PDB file of all heavy atoms in Angstrom:
ATOM      1  N   GLN A   1       6.504   4.557   8.387  1.00  0.00           N
ATOM      2  CA  GLN A   1       7.893   4.741   8.774  1.00  0.00           C
ATOM      3  C   GLN A   1       8.703   3.588   8.210  1.00  0.00           C
ATOM      4  O   GLN A   1       8.411   2.419   8.504  1.00  0.00           O
ATOM      5  CB  GLN A   1       8.032   4.779  10.297  1.00  0.00           C
ATOM      6  CG  GLN A   1       9.454   4.909  10.794  1.00  0.00           C
ATOM      7  CD  GLN A   1      10.088   6.239  10.446  1.00  0.00           C
ATOM      8  OE1 GLN A   1       9.452   7.290  10.562  1.00  0.00           O
ATOM      9  NE2 GLN A   1      11.336   6.216   9.986  1.00  0.00           N
ATOM     10  N   MET A   2       9.690   3.909   7.399  1.00  0.00           N
ATOM     11  CA  MET A   2      10.485   2.879   6.723  1.00  0.00           C
ATOM     12  C   MET A   2      11.933   2.988   7.192  1.00  0.00           C
ATOM     13  O   MET A   2      12.591   4.007   6.970  1.00  0.00           O
ATOM     14  CB  MET A   2      10.397   3.074   5.203  1.00  0.00           C
ATOM     15  CG  MET A   2       8.974   3.094   4.683  1.00  0.00           C
ATOM     16  SD  MET A   2       8.888   3.166   2.877  1.00  0.00           S
ATOM     17  CE  MET A   2       9.620   4.756   2.566  1.00  0.00           C
ATOM     18  N   ASN A   3      12.403   1.950   7.853  1.00  0.00           N
ATOM     19  CA  ASN A   3      13.779   1.897   8.351  1.00  0.00           C
ATOM     20  C   ASN A   3      14.543   0.780   7.653  1.00  0.00           C
ATOM     21  O   ASN A   3      13.949  -0.096   7.035  1.00  0.00           O
ATOM     22  CB  ASN A   3      13.784   1.660   9.855  1.00  0.00           C
ATOM     23  CG  ASN A   3      13.091   2.767  10.637  1.00  0.00           C
ATOM     24  OD1 ASN A   3      13.112   3.933  10.236  1.00  0.00           O
ATOM     25  ND2 ASN A   3      12.475   2.410  11.753  1.00  0.00           N
ATOM     26  N   SER A   4      15.851   0.839   7.781  1.00  0.00           N
ATOM     27  CA  SER A   4      16.723  -0.194   7.183  1.00  0.00           C
ATOM     28  C   SER A   4      16.354  -0.453   5.731  1.00  0.00           C
ATOM     29  O   SER A   4      16.202  -1.603   5.296  1.00  0.00           O
ATOM     30  CB  SER A   4      16.622  -1.500   7.994  1.00  0.00           C
ATOM     31  OG  SER A   4      16.981  -1.277   9.345  1.00  0.00           O
ATOM     32  N   LEU A   5      16.219   0.610   4.981  1.00  0.00           N
ATOM     33  CA  LEU A   5      15.768   0.494   3.594  1.00  0.00           C
ATOM     34  C   LEU A   5      16.784  -0.243   2.733  1.00  0.00           C
ATOM     35  O   LEU A   5      18.008  -0.138   2.945  1.00  0.00           O
ATOM     36  CB  LEU A   5      15.488   1.886   3.023  1.00  0.00           C
ATOM     37  CG  LEU A   5      14.150   2.481   3.472  1.00  0.00           C
ATOM     38  CD1 LEU A   5      14.134   3.989   3.276  1.00  0.00           C
ATOM     39  CD2 LEU A   5      13.007   1.829   2.723  1.00  0.00           C
ATOM     40  N   LYS A   6      16.256  -0.988   1.782  1.00  0.00           N
ATOM     41  CA  LYS A   6      17.054  -1.791   0.861  1.00  0.00           C
ATOM     42  C   LYS A   6      16.769  -1.333  -0.575  1.00  0.00           C
ATOM     43  O   LYS A   6      15.690  -0.806  -0.856  1.00  0.00           O
ATOM     44  CB  LYS A   6      16.681  -3.263   1.000  1.00  0.00           C
ATOM     45  CG  LYS A   6      16.794  -3.821   2.395  1.00  0.00           C
ATOM     46  CD  LYS A   6      16.276  -5.253   2.449  1.00  0.00           C
ATOM     47  CE  LYS A   6      16.350  -5.817   3.856  1.00  0.00           C
ATOM     48  NZ  LYS A   6      15.839  -7.218   3.908  1.00  0.00           N
ATOM     49  N   PRO A   7      17.709  -1.561  -1.489  1.00  0.00           N
ATOM     50  CA  PRO A   7      17.447  -1.193  -2.889  1.00  0.00           C
ATOM     51  C   PRO A   7      16.160  -1.815  -3.433  1.00  0.00           C
ATOM     52  O   PRO A   7      15.475  -1.187  -4.258  1.00  0.00           O
ATOM     53  CB  PRO A   7      18.689  -1.715  -3.611  1.00  0.00           C
ATOM     54  CG  PRO A   7      19.768  -1.655  -2.581  1.00  0.00           C
ATOM     55  CD  PRO A   7      19.100  -2.015  -1.288  1.00  0.00           C
ATOM     56  N   GLU A   8      15.818  -2.993  -2.973  1.00  0.00           N
ATOM     57  CA  GLU A   8      14.596  -3.643  -3.453  1.00  0.00           C
ATOM     58  C   GLU A   8      13.321  -2.997  -2.937  1.00  0.00           C
ATOM     59  O   GLU A   8      12.223  -3.370  -3.354  1.00  0.00           O
ATOM     60  CB  GLU A   8      14.593  -5.142  -3.114  1.00  0.00           C
ATOM     61  CG  GLU A   8      14.891  -5.474  -1.667  1.00  0.00           C
ATOM     62  CD  GLU A   8      16.357  -5.807  -1.440  1.00  0.00           C
ATOM     63  OE1 GLU A   8      17.247  -5.112  -1.993  1.00  0.00           O
ATOM     64  OE2 GLU A   8      16.613  -6.773  -0.681  1.00  0.00           O
ATOM     65  N   ASP A   9      13.448  -2.028  -2.046  1.00  0.00           N
ATOM     66  CA  ASP A   9      12.281  -1.248  -1.602  1.00  0.00           C
ATOM     67  C   ASP A   9      11.963  -0.120  -2.572  1.00  0.00           C
ATOM     68  O   ASP A   9      10.944   0.560  -2.413  1.00  0.00           O
ATOM     69  CB  ASP A   9      12.528  -0.653  -0.219  1.00  0.00           C
ATOM     70  CG  ASP A   9      12.644  -1.716   0.873  1.00  0.00           C
ATOM     71  OD1 ASP A   9      11.869  -2.682   0.848  1.00  0.00           O
ATOM     72  OD2 ASP A   9      13.538  -1.569   1.740  1.00  0.00           O
ATOM     73  N   THR A  10      12.804   0.081  -3.568  1.00  0.00           N
ATOM     74  CA  THR A  10      12.570   1.139  -4.548  1.00  0.00           C
ATOM     75  C   THR A  10      11.276   0.884  -5.307  1.00  0.00           C
ATOM     76  O   THR A  10      11.070  -0.190  -5.872  1.00  0.00           O
ATOM     77  CB  THR A  10      13.751   1.208  -5.537  1.00  0.00           C
ATOM     78  OG1 THR A  10      14.930   1.599  -4.836  1.00  0.00           O
ATOM     79  CG2 THR A  10      13.472   2.202  -6.652  1.00  0.00           C
ATOM     80  N   ALA A  11      10.394   1.869  -5.291  1.00  0.00           N
ATOM     81  CA  ALA A  11       9.078   1.731  -5.922  1.00  0.00           C
ATOM     82  C   ALA A  11       8.323   3.048  -5.772  1.00  0.00           C
ATOM     83  O   ALA A  11       8.750   3.934  -5.024  1.00  0.00           O
ATOM     84  CB  ALA A  11       8.277   0.605  -5.280  1.00  0.00           C
ATOM     85  N   VAL A  12       7.193   3.129  -6.452  1.00  0.00           N
ATOM     86  CA  VAL A  12       6.216   4.177  -6.158  1.00  0.00           C
ATOM     87  C   VAL A  12       5.306   3.628  -5.066  1.00  0.00           C
ATOM     88  O   VAL A  12       4.775   2.521  -5.197  1.00  0.00           O
ATOM     89  CB  VAL A  12       5.397   4.561  -7.403  1.00  0.00           C
ATOM     90  CG1 VAL A  12       4.353   5.605  -7.040  1.00  0.00           C
ATOM     91  CG2 VAL A  12       6.326   5.077  -8.497  1.00  0.00           C
ATOM     92  N   TYR A  13       5.161   4.404  -4.005  1.00  0.00           N
ATOM     93  CA  TYR A  13       4.338   3.985  -2.872  1.00  0.00           C
ATOM     94  C   TYR A  13       2.996   4.701  -2.917  1.00  0.00           C
ATOM     95  O   TYR A  13       2.937   5.924  -3.083  1.00  0.00           O
ATOM     96  CB  TYR A  13       5.064   4.286  -1.568  1.00  0.00           C
ATOM     97  CG  TYR A  13       6.151   3.279  -1.263  1.00  0.00           C
ATOM     98  CD1 TYR A  13       7.330   3.258  -2.019  1.00  0.00           C
ATOM     99  CD2 TYR A  13       6.008   2.331  -0.253  1.00  0.00           C
ATOM    100  CE1 TYR A  13       8.328   2.330  -1.765  1.00  0.00           C
ATOM    101  CE2 TYR A  13       7.005   1.399   0.008  1.00  0.00           C
ATOM    102  CZ  TYR A  13       8.154   1.399  -0.753  1.00  0.00           C
ATOM    103  OH  TYR A  13       9.138   0.472  -0.491  1.00  0.00           O
ATOM    104  N   TYR A  14       1.940   3.911  -2.742  1.00  0.00           N
ATOM    105  CA  TYR A  14       0.578   4.433  -2.788  1.00  0.00           C
ATOM    106  C   TYR A  14      -0.140   4.160  -1.475  1.00  0.00           C
ATOM    107  O   TYR A  14      -0.009   3.069  -0.915  1.00  0.00           O
ATOM    108  CB  TYR A  14      -0.220   3.741  -3.891  1.00  0.00           C
ATOM    109  CG  TYR A  14       0.314   3.921  -5.288  1.00  0.00           C
ATOM    110  CD1 TYR A  14       1.259   3.052  -5.820  1.00  0.00           C
ATOM    111  CD2 TYR A  14      -0.152   4.968  -6.091  1.00  0.00           C
ATOM    112  CE1 TYR A  14       1.736   3.212  -7.105  1.00  0.00           C
ATOM    113  CE2 TYR A  14       0.334   5.135  -7.384  1.00  0.00           C
ATOM    114  CZ  TYR A  14       1.277   4.252  -7.877  1.00  0.00           C
ATOM    115  OH  TYR A  14       1.750   4.420  -9.164  1.00  0.00           O
ATOM    116  N   CYS A  15      -0.915   5.131  -1.023  1.00  0.00           N
ATOM    117  CA  CYS A  15      -1.823   4.823   0.072  1.00  0.00           C
ATOM    118  C   CYS A  15      -3.203   4.575  -0.500  1.00  0.00           C
ATOM    119  O   CYS A  15      -3.543   5.071  -1.587  1.00  0.00           O
ATOM    120  CB  CYS A  15      -1.832   5.906   1.149  1.00  0.00           C
ATOM    121  SG  CYS A  15      -2.645   7.428   0.698  1.00  0.00           S
ATOM    122  N   ALA A  16      -3.982   3.807   0.228  1.00  0.00           N
ATOM    123  CA  ALA A  16      -5.304   3.402  -0.229  1.00  0.00           C
ATOM    124  C   ALA A  16      -6.256   3.354   0.954  1.00  0.00           C
ATOM    125  O   ALA A  16      -5.825   3.159   2.098  1.00  0.00           O
ATOM    126  CB  ALA A  16      -5.231   2.043  -0.911  1.00  0.00           C
ATOM    127  N   ALA A  17      -7.546   3.504   0.649  1.00  0.00           N
ATOM    128  CA  ALA A  17      -8.556   3.524   1.696  1.00  0.00           C
ATOM    129  C   ALA A  17      -9.734   2.654   1.299  1.00  0.00           C
ATOM    130  O   ALA A  17     -10.107   2.589   0.126  1.00  0.00           O
ATOM    131  CB  ALA A  17      -9.031   4.955   1.950  1.00  0.00           C
ATOM    132  N   THR A  18     -10.314   2.007   2.298  1.00  0.00           N
ATOM    133  CA  THR A  18     -11.537   1.250   2.075  1.00  0.00           C
ATOM    134  C   THR A  18     -12.484   1.458   3.234  1.00  0.00           C
ATOM    135  O   THR A  18     -12.062   1.487   4.399  1.00  0.00           O
ATOM    136  CB  THR A  18     -11.267  -0.249   1.883  1.00  0.00           C
ATOM    137  OG1 THR A  18     -12.517  -0.916   1.721  1.00  0.00           O
ATOM    138  CG2 THR A  18     -10.545  -0.867   3.079  1.00  0.00           C
ATOM    139  N   ARG A  19     -13.753   1.569   2.911  1.00  0.00           N
ATOM    140  CA  ARG A  19     -14.782   1.683   3.948  1.00  0.00           C
ATOM    141  C   ARG A  19     -15.383   0.324   4.262  1.00  0.00           C
ATOM    142  O   ARG A  19     -16.106   0.181   5.246  1.00  0.00           O
ATOM    143  CB  ARG A  19     -15.891   2.613   3.466  1.00  0.00           C
ATOM    144  CG  ARG A  19     -15.968   3.881   4.251  1.00  0.00           C
ATOM    145  CD  ARG A  19     -17.054   4.766   3.772  1.00  0.00           C
ATOM    146  NE  ARG A  19     -17.180   5.898   4.671  1.00  0.00           N
ATOM    147  CZ  ARG A  19     -17.886   6.968   4.420  1.00  0.00           C
ATOM    148  NH1 ARG A  19     -18.543   7.058   3.282  1.00  0.00           N
ATOM    149  NH2 ARG A  19     -17.964   7.963   5.277  1.00  0.00           N
ATOM    150  N   THR A  20     -15.061  -0.655   3.449  1.00  0.00           N
ATOM    151  CA  THR A  20     -15.628  -1.979   3.631  1.00  0.00           C
ATOM    152  C   THR A  20     -14.930  -2.708   4.769  1.00  0.00           C
ATOM    153  O   THR A  20     -13.696  -2.665   4.875  1.00  0.00           O
ATOM    154  CB  THR A  20     -15.499  -2.792   2.339  1.00  0.00           C
ATOM    155  OG1 THR A  20     -16.089  -2.076   1.265  1.00  0.00           O
ATOM    156  CG2 THR A  20     -16.170  -4.152   2.481  1.00  0.00           C
ATOM    157  N   SER A  21     -15.699  -3.374   5.582  1.00  0.00           N
ATOM    158  CA  SER A  21     -15.137  -4.195   6.655  1.00  0.00           C
ATOM    159  C   SER A  21     -15.079  -5.641   6.190  1.00  0.00           C
ATOM    160  O   SER A  21     -16.095  -6.220   5.823  1.00  0.00           O
ATOM    161  CB  SER A  21     -16.004  -4.095   7.915  1.00  0.00           C
ATOM    162  OG  SER A  21     -15.958  -2.798   8.452  1.00  0.00           O
ATOM    163  N   TYR A  22     -13.873  -6.199   6.200  1.00  0.00           N
ATOM    164  CA  TYR A  22     -13.680  -7.583   5.776  1.00  0.00           C
ATOM    165  C   TYR A  22     -13.395  -8.449   6.994  1.00  0.00           C
ATOM    166  O   TYR A  22     -12.520  -8.145   7.800  1.00  0.00           O
ATOM    167  CB  TYR A  22     -12.518  -7.684   4.791  1.00  0.00           C
ATOM    168  CG  TYR A  22     -12.733  -6.899   3.519  1.00  0.00           C
ATOM    169  CD1 TYR A  22     -12.047  -5.711   3.282  1.00  0.00           C
ATOM    170  CD2 TYR A  22     -13.634  -7.335   2.557  1.00  0.00           C
ATOM    171  CE1 TYR A  22     -12.247  -4.995   2.118  1.00  0.00           C
ATOM    172  CE2 TYR A  22     -13.848  -6.618   1.391  1.00  0.00           C
ATOM    173  CZ  TYR A  22     -13.158  -5.445   1.182  1.00  0.00           C
ATOM    174  OH  TYR A  22     -13.361  -4.726   0.029  1.00  0.00           O
ATOM    175  N   SER A  23     -14.126  -9.542   7.101  1.00  0.00           N
ATOM    176  CA  SER A  23     -13.902 -10.457   8.218  1.00  0.00           C
ATOM    177  C   SER A  23     -12.633 -11.266   8.007  1.00  0.00           C
ATOM    178  O   SER A  23     -12.001 -11.722   8.963  1.00  0.00           O
ATOM    179  CB  SER A  23     -15.101 -11.392   8.383  1.00  0.00           C
ATOM    180  OG  SER A  23     -15.332 -12.104   7.184  1.00  0.00           O
ATOM    181  N   THR A  24     -12.256 -11.423   6.741  1.00  0.00           N
ATOM    182  CA  THR A  24     -11.026 -12.140   6.424  1.00  0.00           C
ATOM    183  C   THR A  24      -9.904 -11.124   6.255  1.00  0.00           C
ATOM    184  O   THR A  24      -9.901 -10.344   5.314  1.00  0.00           O
ATOM    185  CB  THR A  24     -11.186 -12.966   5.132  1.00  0.00           C
ATOM    186  OG1 THR A  24     -12.265 -13.881   5.296  1.00  0.00           O
ATOM    187  CG2 THR A  24      -9.907 -13.722   4.822  1.00  0.00           C
ATOM    188  N   ILE A  25      -8.959 -11.117   7.192  1.00  0.00           N
ATOM    189  CA  ILE A  25      -7.901 -10.105   7.209  1.00  0.00           C
ATOM    190  C   ILE A  25      -7.083 -10.146   5.916  1.00  0.00           C
ATOM    191  O   ILE A  25      -6.625  -9.108   5.431  1.00  0.00           O
ATOM    192  CB  ILE A  25      -6.998 -10.300   8.432  1.00  0.00           C
ATOM    193  CG1 ILE A  25      -7.798 -10.122   9.718  1.00  0.00           C
ATOM    194  CG2 ILE A  25      -5.820  -9.340   8.406  1.00  0.00           C
ATOM    195  CD1 ILE A  25      -8.454  -8.752   9.836  1.00  0.00           C
ATOM    196  N   ARG A  26      -6.928 -11.312   5.342  1.00  0.00           N
ATOM    197  CA  ARG A  26      -6.128 -11.460   4.125  1.00  0.00           C
ATOM    198  C   ARG A  26      -6.660 -10.573   2.998  1.00  0.00           C
ATOM    199  O   ARG A  26      -5.903 -10.143   2.121  1.00  0.00           O
ATOM    200  CB  ARG A  26      -6.118 -12.921   3.697  1.00  0.00           C
ATOM    201  CG  ARG A  26      -5.407 -13.188   2.388  1.00  0.00           C
ATOM    202  CD  ARG A  26      -5.437 -14.675   2.057  1.00  0.00           C
ATOM    203  NE  ARG A  26      -6.786 -15.202   2.014  1.00  0.00           N
ATOM    204  CZ  ARG A  26      -7.600 -15.092   0.975  1.00  0.00           C
ATOM    205  NH1 ARG A  26      -7.202 -14.431  -0.103  1.00  0.00           N
ATOM    206  NH2 ARG A  26      -8.806 -15.619   0.995  1.00  0.00           N
ATOM    207  N   TYR A  27      -7.954 -10.272   2.999  1.00  0.00           N
ATOM    208  CA  TYR A  27      -8.524  -9.441   1.942  1.00  0.00           C
ATOM    209  C   TYR A  27      -7.870  -8.064   1.904  1.00  0.00           C
ATOM    210  O   TYR A  27      -7.810  -7.426   0.849  1.00  0.00           O
ATOM    211  CB  TYR A  27     -10.027  -9.301   2.132  1.00  0.00           C
ATOM    212  CG  TYR A  27     -10.817 -10.543   1.812  1.00  0.00           C
ATOM    213  CD1 TYR A  27     -12.187 -10.606   2.089  1.00  0.00           C
ATOM    214  CD2 TYR A  27     -10.225 -11.642   1.230  1.00  0.00           C
ATOM    215  CE1 TYR A  27     -12.922 -11.730   1.810  1.00  0.00           C
ATOM    216  CE2 TYR A  27     -10.948 -12.780   0.940  1.00  0.00           C
ATOM    217  CZ  TYR A  27     -12.294 -12.824   1.232  1.00  0.00           C
ATOM    218  OH  TYR A  27     -13.014 -13.955   0.963  1.00  0.00           O
ATOM    219  N   TYR A  28      -7.402  -7.577   3.041  1.00  0.00           N
ATOM    220  CA  TYR A  28      -6.795  -6.250   3.076  1.00  0.00           C
ATOM    221  C   TYR A  28      -5.448  -6.203   2.370  1.00  0.00           C
ATOM    222  O   TYR A  28      -4.906  -5.124   2.160  1.00  0.00           O
ATOM    223  CB  TYR A  28      -6.627  -5.778   4.516  1.00  0.00           C
ATOM    224  CG  TYR A  28      -7.936  -5.402   5.180  1.00  0.00           C
ATOM    225  CD1 TYR A  28      -8.525  -6.242   6.116  1.00  0.00           C
ATOM    226  CD2 TYR A  28      -8.584  -4.205   4.875  1.00  0.00           C
ATOM    227  CE1 TYR A  28      -9.721  -5.910   6.726  1.00  0.00           C
ATOM    228  CE2 TYR A  28      -9.769  -3.862   5.472  1.00  0.00           C
ATOM    229  CZ  TYR A  28     -10.345  -4.720   6.402  1.00  0.00           C
ATOM    230  OH  TYR A  28     -11.525  -4.388   7.009  1.00  0.00           O
ATOM    231  N   THR A  29      -4.917  -7.348   2.002  1.00  0.00           N
ATOM    232  CA  THR A  29      -3.671  -7.374   1.240  1.00  0.00           C
ATOM    233  C   THR A  29      -3.928  -7.286  -0.262  1.00  0.00           C
ATOM    234  O   THR A  29      -2.974  -7.212  -1.045  1.00  0.00           O
ATOM    235  CB  THR A  29      -2.859  -8.647   1.534  1.00  0.00           C
ATOM    236  OG1 THR A  29      -3.533  -9.774   0.985  1.00  0.00           O
ATOM    237  CG2 THR A  29      -2.681  -8.856   3.028  1.00  0.00           C
ATOM    238  N   GLU A  30      -5.181  -7.289  -0.666  1.00  0.00           N
ATOM    239  CA  GLU A  30      -5.536  -7.301  -2.089  1.00  0.00           C
ATOM    240  C   GLU A  30      -5.919  -5.903  -2.541  1.00  0.00           C
ATOM    241  O   GLU A  30      -6.840  -5.282  -2.008  1.00  0.00           O
ATOM    242  CB  GLU A  30      -6.688  -8.287  -2.308  1.00  0.00           C
ATOM    243  CG  GLU A  30      -6.333  -9.706  -1.887  1.00  0.00           C
ATOM    244  CD  GLU A  30      -7.517 -10.648  -1.960  1.00  0.00           C
ATOM    245  OE1 GLU A  30      -8.573 -10.238  -2.444  1.00  0.00           O
ATOM    246  OE2 GLU A  30      -7.350 -11.807  -1.521  1.00  0.00           O
ATOM    247  N   LYS A  31      -5.236  -5.428  -3.557  1.00  0.00           N
ATOM    248  CA  LYS A  31      -5.455  -4.044  -3.997  1.00  0.00           C
ATOM    249  C   LYS A  31      -6.877  -3.822  -4.506  1.00  0.00           C
ATOM    250  O   LYS A  31      -7.412  -2.722  -4.402  1.00  0.00           O
ATOM    251  CB  LYS A  31      -4.441  -3.663  -5.081  1.00  0.00           C
ATOM    252  CG  LYS A  31      -4.430  -4.524  -6.317  1.00  0.00           C
ATOM    253  CD  LYS A  31      -3.321  -4.101  -7.244  1.00  0.00           C
ATOM    254  CE  LYS A  31      -3.311  -4.931  -8.533  1.00  0.00           C
ATOM    255  NZ  LYS A  31      -2.974  -6.342  -8.265  1.00  0.00           N
ATOM    256  N   GLU A  32      -7.518  -4.870  -4.991  1.00  0.00           N
ATOM    257  CA  GLU A  32      -8.884  -4.732  -5.511  1.00  0.00           C
ATOM    258  C   GLU A  32      -9.892  -4.411  -4.415  1.00  0.00           C
ATOM    259  O   GLU A  32     -11.013  -3.990  -4.699  1.00  0.00           O
ATOM    260  CB  GLU A  32      -9.316  -6.020  -6.226  1.00  0.00           C
ATOM    261  CG  GLU A  32      -8.542  -6.334  -7.483  1.00  0.00           C
ATOM    262  CD  GLU A  32      -7.208  -6.994  -7.208  1.00  0.00           C
ATOM    263  OE1 GLU A  32      -6.924  -7.324  -6.024  1.00  0.00           O
ATOM    264  OE2 GLU A  32      -6.426  -7.182  -8.166  1.00  0.00           O
ATOM    265  N   LYS A  33      -9.513  -4.618  -3.165  1.00  0.00           N
ATOM    266  CA  LYS A  33     -10.427  -4.396  -2.052  1.00  0.00           C
ATOM    267  C   LYS A  33     -10.433  -2.947  -1.572  1.00  0.00           C
ATOM    268  O   LYS A  33     -11.169  -2.616  -0.645  1.00  0.00           O
ATOM    269  CB  LYS A  33     -10.053  -5.312  -0.883  1.00  0.00           C
ATOM    270  CG  LYS A  33     -10.199  -6.814  -1.200  1.00  0.00           C
ATOM    271  CD  LYS A  33     -11.635  -7.177  -1.521  1.00  0.00           C
ATOM    272  CE  LYS A  33     -11.878  -8.675  -1.570  1.00  0.00           C
ATOM    273  NZ  LYS A  33     -11.262  -9.305  -2.755  1.00  0.00           N
ATOM    274  N   TYR A  34      -9.620  -2.089  -2.166  1.00  0.00           N
ATOM    275  CA  TYR A  34      -9.564  -0.683  -1.766  1.00  0.00           C
ATOM    276  C   TYR A  34     -10.237   0.175  -2.827  1.00  0.00           C
ATOM    277  O   TYR A  34      -9.985   0.023  -4.013  1.00  0.00           O
ATOM    278  CB  TYR A  34      -8.113  -0.250  -1.567  1.00  0.00           C
ATOM    279  CG  TYR A  34      -7.462  -0.908  -0.371  1.00  0.00           C
ATOM    280  CD1 TYR A  34      -6.951  -2.204  -0.455  1.00  0.00           C
ATOM    281  CD2 TYR A  34      -7.367  -0.246   0.847  1.00  0.00           C
ATOM    282  CE1 TYR A  34      -6.365  -2.814   0.636  1.00  0.00           C
ATOM    283  CE2 TYR A  34      -6.771  -0.847   1.947  1.00  0.00           C
ATOM    284  CZ  TYR A  34      -6.280  -2.136   1.830  1.00  0.00           C
ATOM    285  OH  TYR A  34      -5.698  -2.737   2.924  1.00  0.00           O
ATOM    286  N   GLU A  35     -11.078   1.097  -2.381  1.00  0.00           N
ATOM    287  CA  GLU A  35     -11.845   1.924  -3.312  1.00  0.00           C
ATOM    288  C   GLU A  35     -11.126   3.208  -3.715  1.00  0.00           C
ATOM    289  O   GLU A  35     -11.371   3.745  -4.790  1.00  0.00           O
ATOM    290  CB  GLU A  35     -13.192   2.328  -2.694  1.00  0.00           C
ATOM    291  CG  GLU A  35     -14.136   1.170  -2.353  1.00  0.00           C
ATOM    292  CD  GLU A  35     -13.968   0.721  -0.922  1.00  0.00           C
ATOM    293  OE1 GLU A  35     -14.453   1.434  -0.015  1.00  0.00           O
ATOM    294  OE2 GLU A  35     -13.346  -0.341  -0.710  1.00  0.00           O
ATOM    295  N   TYR A  36     -10.268   3.709  -2.835  1.00  0.00           N
ATOM    296  CA  TYR A  36      -9.683   5.029  -3.071  1.00  0.00           C
ATOM    297  C   TYR A  36      -8.165   4.940  -3.000  1.00  0.00           C
ATOM    298  O   TYR A  36      -7.612   4.239  -2.141  1.00  0.00           O
ATOM    299  CB  TYR A  36     -10.199   6.029  -2.031  1.00  0.00           C
ATOM    300  CG  TYR A  36     -11.698   6.082  -1.980  1.00  0.00           C
ATOM    301  CD1 TYR A  36     -12.402   5.466  -0.943  1.00  0.00           C
ATOM    302  CD2 TYR A  36     -12.426   6.727  -2.985  1.00  0.00           C
ATOM    303  CE1 TYR A  36     -13.780   5.495  -0.912  1.00  0.00           C
ATOM    304  CE2 TYR A  36     -13.800   6.753  -2.955  1.00  0.00           C
ATOM    305  CZ  TYR A  36     -14.476   6.137  -1.917  1.00  0.00           C
ATOM    306  OH  TYR A  36     -15.843   6.165  -1.894  1.00  0.00           O
ATOM    307  N   TRP A  37      -7.528   5.717  -3.894  1.00  0.00           N
ATOM    308  CA  TRP A  37      -6.078   5.674  -4.009  1.00  0.00           C
ATOM    309  C   TRP A  37      -5.497   7.066  -4.132  1.00  0.00           C
ATOM    310  O   TRP A  37      -6.124   7.968  -4.709  1.00  0.00           O
ATOM    311  CB  TRP A  37      -5.676   4.868  -5.253  1.00  0.00           C
ATOM    312  CG  TRP A  37      -5.985   3.420  -5.137  1.00  0.00           C
ATOM    313  CD1 TRP A  37      -7.173   2.808  -5.395  1.00  0.00           C
ATOM    314  CD2 TRP A  37      -5.095   2.399  -4.694  1.00  0.00           C
ATOM    315  NE1 TRP A  37      -7.078   1.461  -5.140  1.00  0.00           N
ATOM    316  CE2 TRP A  37      -5.811   1.185  -4.713  1.00  0.00           C
ATOM    317  CE3 TRP A  37      -3.762   2.380  -4.290  1.00  0.00           C
ATOM    318  CZ2 TRP A  37      -5.236  -0.040  -4.347  1.00  0.00           C
ATOM    319  CZ3 TRP A  37      -3.186   1.179  -3.928  1.00  0.00           C
ATOM    320  CH2 TRP A  37      -3.913  -0.016  -3.955  1.00  0.00           C
ATOM    321  N   GLY A  38      -4.284   7.224  -3.600  1.00  0.00           N
ATOM    322  CA  GLY A  38      -3.537   8.446  -3.833  1.00  0.00           C
ATOM    323  C   GLY A  38      -2.779   8.367  -5.145  1.00  0.00           C
ATOM    324  O   GLY A  38      -2.845   7.357  -5.853  1.00  0.00           O
ATOM    325  N   GLN A  39      -2.034   9.429  -5.442  1.00  0.00           N
ATOM    326  CA  GLN A  39      -1.332   9.508  -6.719  1.00  0.00           C
ATOM    327  C   GLN A  39       0.037   8.839  -6.674  1.00  0.00           C
ATOM    328  O   GLN A  39       0.653   8.615  -7.709  1.00  0.00           O
ATOM    329  CB  GLN A  39      -1.182  10.971  -7.144  1.00  0.00           C
ATOM    330  CG  GLN A  39       0.004  11.721  -6.523  1.00  0.00           C
ATOM    331  CD  GLN A  39      -0.165  12.009  -5.042  1.00  0.00           C
ATOM    332  OE1 GLN A  39      -1.251  11.852  -4.485  1.00  0.00           O
ATOM    333  NE2 GLN A  39       0.913  12.442  -4.394  1.00  0.00           N
ATOM    334  N   GLY A  40       0.517   8.532  -5.483  1.00  0.00           N
ATOM    335  CA  GLY A  40       1.794   7.850  -5.321  1.00  0.00           C
ATOM    336  C   GLY A  40       2.946   8.791  -5.051  1.00  0.00           C
ATOM    337  O   GLY A  40       2.918   9.968  -5.437  1.00  0.00           O
ATOM    338  N   THR A  41       3.969   8.270  -4.381  1.00  0.00           N
ATOM    339  CA  THR A  41       5.192   9.018  -4.125  1.00  0.00           C
ATOM    340  C   THR A  41       6.379   8.087  -4.354  1.00  0.00           C
ATOM    341  O   THR A  41       6.362   6.932  -3.924  1.00  0.00           O
ATOM    342  CB  THR A  41       5.202   9.618  -2.702  1.00  0.00           C
ATOM    343  OG1 THR A  41       6.353  10.442  -2.524  1.00  0.00           O
ATOM    344  CG2 THR A  41       5.190   8.543  -1.614  1.00  0.00           C
ATOM    345  N   GLN A  42       7.390   8.599  -5.047  1.00  0.00           N
ATOM    346  CA  GLN A  42       8.533   7.767  -5.432  1.00  0.00           C
ATOM    347  C   GLN A  42       9.506   7.617  -4.275  1.00  0.00           C
ATOM    348  O   GLN A  42       9.904   8.604  -3.639  1.00  0.00           O
ATOM    349  CB  GLN A  42       9.256   8.391  -6.628  1.00  0.00           C
ATOM    350  CG  GLN A  42      10.513   7.662  -7.056  1.00  0.00           C
ATOM    351  CD  GLN A  42      10.213   6.322  -7.711  1.00  0.00           C
ATOM    352  OE1 GLN A  42       9.349   6.231  -8.584  1.00  0.00           O
ATOM    353  NE2 GLN A  42      10.951   5.279  -7.310  1.00  0.00           N
ATOM    354  N   VAL A  43       9.913   6.383  -4.029  1.00  0.00           N
ATOM    355  CA  VAL A  43      10.972   6.082  -3.072  1.00  0.00           C
ATOM    356  C   VAL A  43      12.085   5.369  -3.828  1.00  0.00           C
ATOM    357  O   VAL A  43      11.833   4.346  -4.482  1.00  0.00           O
ATOM    358  CB  VAL A  43      10.462   5.193  -1.921  1.00  0.00           C
ATOM    359  CG1 VAL A  43      11.632   4.708  -1.060  1.00  0.00           C
ATOM    360  CG2 VAL A  43       9.449   5.958  -1.076  1.00  0.00           C
ATOM    361  N   THR A  44      13.283   5.919  -3.763  1.00  0.00           N
ATOM    362  CA  THR A  44      14.428   5.316  -4.430  1.00  0.00           C
ATOM    363  C   THR A  44      15.522   5.068  -3.405  1.00  0.00           C
ATOM    364  O   THR A  44      15.936   5.993  -2.693  1.00  0.00           O
ATOM    365  CB  THR A  44      14.962   6.224  -5.546  1.00  0.00           C
ATOM    366  OG1 THR A  44      13.914   6.495  -6.482  1.00  0.00           O
ATOM    367  CG2 THR A  44      16.118   5.550  -6.274  1.00  0.00           C
ATOM    368  N   VAL A  45      15.971   3.820  -3.322  1.00  0.00           N
ATOM    369  CA  VAL A  45      17.012   3.437  -2.372  1.00  0.00           C
ATOM    370  C   VAL A  45      18.253   3.049  -3.163  1.00  0.00           C
ATOM    371  O   VAL A  45      18.221   2.098  -3.945  1.00  0.00           O
ATOM    372  CB  VAL A  45      16.559   2.281  -1.478  1.00  0.00           C
ATOM    373  CG1 VAL A  45      17.637   1.979  -0.432  1.00  0.00           C
ATOM    374  CG2 VAL A  45      15.231   2.605  -0.807  1.00  0.00           C
TER     375      VAL A  45
END
């Protein structure tokens, strides 16, 4: 859910999935840690 959208939010948005459990939460911010990806959806503000 995206509220108060700004022009700088304009991008292709992708969802991703990982089955790996990381003890370091910061790892979940790294795209390399996700195995599966969607095709993306365009958001233009």
